[in-house]
Amino acid sequence: DAENDADGDLICGDVDSCQYDAENDADGDVVCGDVDSCEYDAENDADVDLICGDVDSCKYDAENDADGDLICGDVDSCKYDPENDADGDLICGDVDSCQYDAENDADGDLICGNIDSCRYDAEHDADGDVICGDVDSCKYDAENDADGDLICGNVDSCQYD
């Protein structure tokens, strides 16, 4: 060995598979440490994010937890939703039009249930009597059968008789 064990690993250079690597390929990836860009990562940066796996908190997520929820993207069911489907409707918040309404606007009035005062009334209290149509016995009569004859005013020929 002309260099007299250059890496100091007590293996002569003429029989040392990694003659300039004292740890002799520590990660076992068949790339000697002196030329290995990730000398302690056998997968050599598997996600190609330029962070070696031995120090990468998300070794299989090239975006390194893009939404910042402490769940790596390779195992995060909502990789761009930091609240991870807050309403539990199986639609991630980054693509959920009603991210805090598990029923996703059940009445179809384009107002999400978490802010809709009439969650199940698509007409949103059409008669303006502050009783939602889904529970209003006279949903088109603001006076709610004023004469008490069990015929709603909007269809009663004698509204007050």
Protein backbone atom coordinates (compact mmCIF):
# COMPACT_ATOMS: atom_id res chain seq x y z
CA ASP A 1 0.00 0.00 0.00
CA ALA A 2 1.93 3.02 -1.31
CA GLU A 3 -0.24 5.45 0.67
CA ASN A 4 0.16 3.43 3.84
CA ASP A 5 -3.58 3.14 4.75
CA ALA A 6 -4.53 6.70 3.69
CA ASP A 7 -7.89 6.66 5.50
CA GLY A 8 -6.51 5.22 8.75
CA ASP A 9 -9.03 2.39 9.02
CA LEU A 10 -6.31 -0.23 9.54
CA ILE A 11 -7.08 -1.83 6.15
CA CYS A 12 -4.31 -1.49 3.61
CA GLY A 13 -5.34 0.47 0.52
CA ASP A 14 -4.58 -2.35 -1.91
CA VAL A 15 -7.35 -4.48 -0.25
CA ASP A 16 -9.59 -1.67 1.09
CA SER A 17 -12.80 -1.32 -0.98
CA CYS A 18 -13.09 2.28 0.25
CA GLN A 19 -9.45 3.32 0.52
CA TYR A 20 -10.26 6.99 1.30
CA ASP A 21 -13.22 6.33 3.61
CA ALA A 22 -12.28 5.43 7.19
CA GLU A 23 -15.83 4.20 7.86
CA ASN A 24 -15.82 1.95 4.77
CA ASP A 25 -19.25 2.87 3.39
CA ALA A 26 -20.98 3.38 6.75
CA ASP A 27 -24.49 3.33 5.27
CA GLY A 28 -23.91 0.19 3.18
CA ASP A 29 -25.13 1.67 -0.11
CA VAL A 30 -22.00 0.57 -2.02
CA VAL A 31 -20.85 4.20 -2.38
CA CYS A 32 -17.78 5.03 -0.33
CA GLY A 33 -18.26 7.89 2.13
CA ASP A 34 -15.60 10.09 0.55
CA VAL A 35 -17.71 10.33 -2.64
CA ASP A 36 -21.20 9.66 -1.21
CA SER A 37 -23.34 12.84 -1.08
CA CYS A 38 -25.39 11.18 1.69
CA GLU A 39 -22.78 9.14 3.50
CA TYR A 40 -25.16 8.03 6.29
CA ASP A 41 -28.26 7.50 4.13
CA ALA A 42 -28.37 4.14 2.36
CA GLU A 43 -31.17 5.41 0.09
CA ASN A 44 -29.21 8.53 -0.91
CA ASP A 45 -32.02 11.07 -0.50
CA ALA A 46 -34.91 8.85 -1.65
CA ASP A 47 -37.33 11.76 -2.09
CA VAL A 48 -34.79 13.88 -4.02
CA ASP A 49 -35.34 17.02 -1.90
CA LEU A 50 -31.59 17.55 -1.38
CA ILE A 51 -31.85 16.56 2.30
CA CYS A 52 -30.24 13.23 3.14
CA GLY A 53 -32.57 10.72 4.76
CA ASP A 54 -30.57 10.46 7.96
CA VAL A 55 -31.37 14.13 8.73
CA ASP A 56 -34.60 14.57 6.71
CA SER A 57 -37.68 14.72 8.97
CA CYS A 58 -39.79 13.59 5.98
CA LYS A 59 -37.45 11.24 4.17
CA TYR A 60 -40.07 10.14 1.61
CA ASP A 61 -41.77 13.52 1.11
CA ALA A 62 -40.02 15.85 -1.33
CA GLU A 63 -42.13 18.78 -0.10
CA ASN A 64 -41.22 18.13 3.56
CA ASP A 65 -44.71 18.50 5.05
CA ALA A 66 -45.97 21.22 2.70
CA ASP A 67 -48.97 22.12 4.90
CA GLY A 68 -46.97 22.29 8.14
CA ASP A 69 -49.22 19.94 10.14
CA LEU A 70 -46.31 17.76 11.29
CA ILE A 71 -47.49 14.84 9.11
CA CYS A 72 -45.21 14.06 6.18
CA GLY A 73 -46.92 14.21 2.79
CA ASP A 74 -46.20 10.59 1.94
CA VAL A 75 -48.50 9.51 4.82
CA ASP A 76 -50.74 12.60 5.12
CA SER A 77 -54.22 11.96 3.68
CA CYS A 78 -54.63 15.75 3.29
CA LYS A 79 -51.12 16.81 2.32
CA TYR A 80 -52.11 20.44 1.56
CA ASP A 81 -54.63 20.90 4.40
CA PRO A 82 -53.03 21.86 7.72
CA GLU A 83 -56.27 21.04 9.57
CA ASN A 84 -56.57 17.58 7.98
CA ASP A 85 -60.25 17.70 7.00
CA ALA A 86 -61.47 19.68 10.02
CA ASP A 87 -65.15 18.85 9.40
CA GLY A 88 -64.56 15.11 8.90
CA ASP A 89 -66.41 14.85 5.58
CA LEU A 90 -63.52 13.07 3.83
CA ILE A 91 -62.84 16.14 1.64
CA CYS A 92 -59.58 17.88 2.45
CA GLY A 93 -59.95 21.56 3.38
CA ASP A 94 -57.78 22.78 0.52
CA VAL A 95 -60.39 21.46 -1.96
CA ASP A 96 -63.53 21.51 0.23
CA SER A 97 -65.89 24.39 -0.65
CA CYS A 98 -67.36 24.10 2.86
CA GLN A 99 -64.33 23.14 4.91
CA TYR A 100 -66.13 23.50 8.27
CA ASP A 101 -69.46 21.95 7.20
CA ALA A 102 -69.50 18.15 7.22
CA GLU A 103 -72.73 18.15 5.19
CA ASN A 104 -71.27 20.47 2.54
CA ASP A 105 -74.23 22.85 2.19
CA ALA A 106 -76.95 20.25 2.71
CA ASP A 107 -79.72 22.50 1.36
CA GLY A 108 -77.79 23.57 -1.74
CA ASP A 109 -78.26 27.32 -1.22
CA LEU A 110 -74.54 28.03 -1.66
CA ILE A 111 -74.17 28.97 2.03
CA CYS A 112 -72.11 26.49 4.06
CA GLY A 113 -73.97 25.01 7.00
CA ASN A 114 -71.55 26.33 9.60
CA ILE A 115 -72.62 29.92 8.69
CA ASP A 116 -76.12 29.24 7.27
CA SER A 117 -78.89 30.36 9.63
CA CYS A 118 -81.26 27.99 7.77
CA ARG A 119 -79.07 24.94 7.18
CA TYR A 120 -81.85 22.84 5.62
CA ASP A 121 -83.85 25.55 3.81
CA ALA A 122 -82.65 26.19 0.26
CA GLU A 123 -84.90 29.24 0.01
CA HIS A 124 -83.46 30.64 3.21
CA ASP A 125 -86.69 31.69 4.97
CA ALA A 126 -88.51 32.75 1.79
CA ASP A 127 -91.30 34.59 3.64
CA GLY A 128 -88.93 36.44 5.99
CA ASP A 129 -90.70 35.47 9.21
CA VAL A 130 -87.46 34.27 10.83
CA ILE A 131 -88.66 30.65 10.71
CA CYS A 132 -86.63 28.49 8.34
CA GLY A 133 -88.71 26.88 5.61
CA ASP A 134 -87.81 23.34 6.63
CA VAL A 135 -89.65 23.88 9.95
CA ASP A 136 -92.12 26.62 8.94
CA SER A 137 -95.67 25.26 8.60
CA CYS A 138 -96.47 28.23 6.34
CA LYS A 139 -93.17 28.74 4.55
CA TYR A 140 -94.60 31.36 2.12
CA ASP A 141 -96.79 33.21 4.66
CA ALA A 142 -94.90 35.72 6.80
CA GLU A 143 -97.87 35.93 9.19
CA ASN A 144 -98.08 32.15 9.59
CA ASP A 145 -101.86 31.71 9.15
CA ALA A 146 -102.85 34.94 10.89
CA ASP A 147 -106.53 33.96 11.14
CA GLY A 148 -105.76 30.51 12.61
CA ASP A 149 -107.93 28.54 10.16
CA LEU A 150 -105.07 26.14 9.34
CA ILE A 151 -104.80 27.57 5.80
CA CYS A 152 -101.62 29.51 5.15
CA GLY A 153 -102.21 33.11 4.06
CA ASN A 154 -100.49 32.70 0.72
CA VAL A 155 -103.20 30.16 -0.33
CA ASP A 156 -106.10 31.32 1.92
CA SER A 157 -108.79 33.15 -0.06
CA CYS A 158 -109.87 34.83 3.17
CA GLN A 159 -106.55 35.54 4.86
CA TYR A 160 -108.03 37.20 7.93
CA ASP A 161 -111.32 35.32 8.22
